[in-house]
N, C-alpha and C. Protein backbone atom coordinates (compact mmCIF):
# COMPACT_ATOMS: atom_id res chain seq x y z
N MET A 1 19.14 2.56 -22.46
CA MET A 1 19.54 1.90 -21.19
C MET A 1 18.87 0.62 -21.02
N GLN A 2 19.64 -0.38 -20.63
CA GLN A 2 19.08 -1.70 -20.24
C GLN A 2 18.41 -1.63 -18.95
N ILE A 3 17.55 -2.59 -18.77
CA ILE A 3 16.91 -2.68 -17.32
C ILE A 3 17.96 -3.25 -16.47
N PRO A 4 18.20 -2.55 -15.33
CA PRO A 4 19.30 -3.02 -14.37
C PRO A 4 18.89 -4.38 -13.81
N ASN A 5 19.88 -5.11 -13.37
CA ASN A 5 19.69 -6.38 -12.70
C ASN A 5 19.25 -6.14 -11.24
N TYR A 6 18.89 -7.14 -10.50
CA TYR A 6 18.33 -7.07 -9.15
C TYR A 6 19.30 -6.27 -8.23
N GLN A 7 20.53 -6.60 -8.31
CA GLN A 7 21.55 -6.03 -7.39
C GLN A 7 21.73 -4.55 -7.69
N SER A 8 21.61 -4.11 -8.86
CA SER A 8 21.72 -2.71 -9.25
C SER A 8 20.66 -1.86 -8.64
N PHE A 9 19.54 -2.39 -8.33
CA PHE A 9 18.43 -1.69 -7.80
C PHE A 9 18.61 -1.32 -6.29
N MET A 10 19.42 -2.15 -5.61
CA MET A 10 19.53 -1.95 -4.11
C MET A 10 19.96 -0.53 -3.72
N PRO A 11 21.10 0.00 -4.32
CA PRO A 11 21.46 1.29 -3.94
C PRO A 11 20.38 2.38 -4.24
N LEU A 12 19.63 2.20 -5.31
CA LEU A 12 18.58 3.12 -5.69
C LEU A 12 17.43 3.11 -4.65
N VAL A 13 17.10 1.88 -4.23
CA VAL A 13 16.00 1.72 -3.24
C VAL A 13 16.45 2.37 -1.83
N LEU A 14 17.69 2.13 -1.52
CA LEU A 14 18.21 2.70 -0.26
C LEU A 14 18.29 4.22 -0.28
N GLU A 15 18.63 4.72 -1.46
CA GLU A 15 18.71 6.17 -1.65
C GLU A 15 17.30 6.77 -1.46
N THR A 16 16.37 6.07 -2.09
CA THR A 16 14.94 6.55 -2.02
C THR A 16 14.40 6.54 -0.57
N LEU A 17 14.93 5.68 0.23
CA LEU A 17 14.45 5.57 1.58
C LEU A 17 15.38 6.37 2.59
N SER A 18 16.48 7.00 2.08
CA SER A 18 17.41 7.62 2.94
C SER A 18 16.91 8.74 3.78
N ASN A 19 15.83 9.36 3.39
CA ASN A 19 15.31 10.52 4.10
C ASN A 19 14.50 10.11 5.35
N GLY A 20 14.36 8.82 5.62
CA GLY A 20 13.73 8.31 6.76
C GLY A 20 12.20 8.30 6.63
N GLN A 21 11.63 8.72 5.55
CA GLN A 21 10.13 8.64 5.44
C GLN A 21 9.69 7.26 5.09
N THR A 22 8.56 6.84 5.53
CA THR A 22 8.04 5.55 5.28
C THR A 22 7.37 5.68 3.81
N LYS A 23 7.64 4.74 2.95
CA LYS A 23 7.08 4.75 1.63
C LYS A 23 6.55 3.38 1.32
N GLN A 24 5.54 3.32 0.50
CA GLN A 24 5.07 2.08 0.05
C GLN A 24 5.77 1.68 -1.23
N LEU A 25 5.82 0.37 -1.63
CA LEU A 25 6.56 -0.14 -2.67
C LEU A 25 6.19 0.58 -3.98
N LYS A 26 4.98 0.95 -4.11
CA LYS A 26 4.55 1.63 -5.40
C LYS A 26 5.22 3.00 -5.44
N GLU A 27 5.38 3.67 -4.35
CA GLU A 27 6.05 5.01 -4.35
C GLU A 27 7.54 4.84 -4.67
N ILE A 28 8.16 3.83 -4.06
CA ILE A 28 9.63 3.58 -4.36
C ILE A 28 9.79 3.28 -5.84
N PHE A 29 8.92 2.41 -6.38
CA PHE A 29 8.91 2.02 -7.73
C PHE A 29 8.82 3.24 -8.69
N GLY A 30 7.84 4.08 -8.32
CA GLY A 30 7.62 5.32 -9.08
C GLY A 30 8.86 6.31 -9.11
N ASP A 31 9.41 6.40 -7.85
CA ASP A 31 10.57 7.37 -7.76
C ASP A 31 11.81 6.77 -8.61
N ILE A 32 12.01 5.54 -8.47
CA ILE A 32 13.11 4.93 -9.30
C ILE A 32 12.83 5.07 -10.84
N CYS A 33 11.63 4.69 -11.22
CA CYS A 33 11.35 4.84 -12.67
C CYS A 33 11.46 6.23 -13.16
N LEU A 34 11.07 7.17 -12.35
CA LEU A 34 11.23 8.59 -12.80
C LEU A 34 12.70 9.03 -12.89
N GLU A 35 13.41 8.58 -11.95
CA GLU A 35 14.90 8.90 -11.93
C GLU A 35 15.66 8.32 -13.07
N LEU A 36 15.34 7.07 -13.37
CA LEU A 36 16.06 6.37 -14.48
C LEU A 36 15.49 6.52 -15.91
N LYS A 37 14.28 7.14 -15.89
CA LYS A 37 13.65 7.53 -17.23
C LYS A 37 13.60 6.31 -18.14
N PHE A 38 12.90 5.28 -17.72
CA PHE A 38 12.68 4.10 -18.53
C PHE A 38 11.74 4.38 -19.67
N SER A 39 11.97 3.70 -20.76
CA SER A 39 11.16 3.89 -21.99
C SER A 39 9.75 3.21 -21.73
N PRO A 40 8.81 3.61 -22.42
CA PRO A 40 7.38 2.96 -22.31
C PRO A 40 7.55 1.41 -22.51
N GLU A 41 8.34 1.03 -23.37
CA GLU A 41 8.55 -0.42 -23.67
C GLU A 41 9.13 -1.15 -22.44
N GLN A 42 10.15 -0.50 -21.75
CA GLN A 42 10.68 -1.07 -20.59
C GLN A 42 9.72 -1.13 -19.49
N LEU A 43 8.88 -0.10 -19.33
CA LEU A 43 7.82 -0.05 -18.29
C LEU A 43 6.76 -1.10 -18.49
N LYS A 44 6.51 -1.52 -19.74
CA LYS A 44 5.55 -2.56 -20.00
C LYS A 44 6.10 -4.00 -20.09
N ALA A 45 7.38 -4.14 -20.16
CA ALA A 45 7.97 -5.45 -20.34
C ALA A 45 7.61 -6.35 -19.19
N ARG A 46 7.24 -7.65 -19.36
CA ARG A 46 6.75 -8.52 -18.29
C ARG A 46 7.71 -9.65 -18.08
N ILE A 47 7.71 -10.20 -16.88
CA ILE A 47 8.39 -11.41 -16.59
C ILE A 47 7.73 -12.58 -17.36
N PRO A 48 8.41 -13.70 -17.54
CA PRO A 48 7.83 -14.78 -18.32
C PRO A 48 6.34 -15.25 -17.85
N SER A 49 6.07 -15.17 -16.59
CA SER A 49 4.68 -15.60 -16.26
C SER A 49 3.65 -14.57 -16.68
N GLY A 50 4.10 -13.32 -16.91
CA GLY A 50 3.19 -12.31 -17.41
C GLY A 50 2.46 -11.61 -16.27
N LYS A 51 2.81 -12.02 -15.04
CA LYS A 51 1.99 -11.50 -13.83
C LYS A 51 2.51 -10.08 -13.40
N GLN A 52 3.69 -9.74 -13.59
CA GLN A 52 4.33 -8.43 -13.22
C GLN A 52 5.27 -7.96 -14.31
N THR A 53 5.50 -6.65 -14.23
CA THR A 53 6.49 -6.10 -15.07
C THR A 53 7.84 -6.44 -14.54
N ILE A 54 8.86 -6.51 -15.46
CA ILE A 54 10.18 -6.89 -15.06
C ILE A 54 10.72 -5.84 -14.00
N LEU A 55 10.50 -4.56 -14.23
CA LEU A 55 10.90 -3.52 -13.28
C LEU A 55 10.33 -3.67 -11.94
N TYR A 56 9.05 -3.83 -11.91
CA TYR A 56 8.37 -3.97 -10.56
C TYR A 56 8.85 -5.23 -9.89
N HIS A 57 9.06 -6.31 -10.62
CA HIS A 57 9.56 -7.54 -10.03
C HIS A 57 10.92 -7.40 -9.44
N ARG A 58 11.82 -6.73 -10.18
CA ARG A 58 13.21 -6.56 -9.66
C ARG A 58 13.24 -5.61 -8.49
N ILE A 59 12.45 -4.58 -8.51
CA ILE A 59 12.50 -3.59 -7.37
C ILE A 59 11.81 -4.29 -6.21
N SER A 60 10.76 -5.02 -6.28
CA SER A 60 10.09 -5.62 -5.16
C SER A 60 10.94 -6.73 -4.53
N TRP A 61 11.93 -7.27 -5.19
CA TRP A 61 12.82 -8.20 -4.58
C TRP A 61 13.65 -7.58 -3.48
N GLN A 62 13.75 -6.27 -3.46
CA GLN A 62 14.62 -5.59 -2.46
C GLN A 62 13.81 -5.48 -1.17
N LYS A 63 12.49 -5.66 -1.15
CA LYS A 63 11.72 -5.42 0.03
C LYS A 63 12.12 -6.15 1.28
N PRO A 64 12.42 -7.44 1.28
CA PRO A 64 12.84 -8.16 2.46
C PRO A 64 14.11 -7.49 3.01
N ILE A 65 15.00 -7.04 2.14
CA ILE A 65 16.28 -6.44 2.68
C ILE A 65 15.96 -5.10 3.41
N TRP A 66 15.17 -4.25 2.75
CA TRP A 66 14.97 -2.92 3.43
C TRP A 66 14.08 -3.04 4.59
N LEU A 67 13.25 -4.04 4.70
CA LEU A 67 12.45 -4.26 5.91
C LEU A 67 13.32 -4.69 7.08
N SER A 68 14.39 -5.38 6.76
CA SER A 68 15.30 -5.84 7.83
C SER A 68 16.07 -4.69 8.40
N LEU A 69 16.11 -3.54 7.68
CA LEU A 69 16.90 -2.35 8.18
C LEU A 69 16.07 -1.56 9.12
N VAL A 70 14.72 -1.74 9.27
CA VAL A 70 13.91 -0.94 10.02
C VAL A 70 13.96 -1.36 11.47
């Protein structure tokens, strides 16, 4: 499986938050990674700056959107 693009993560993030519980970004990230069963290589792959993993970066971009729903 390829790493999904930014837009593909939105439904997954919203599904993770659909039970109404407050979750930190790390918990949401963990839930999504477990559900999609990413390979160790995908979990380690970094954005060009090297500061974050690609997965964490793409999931964290959803934060402003879900905060606006609260």
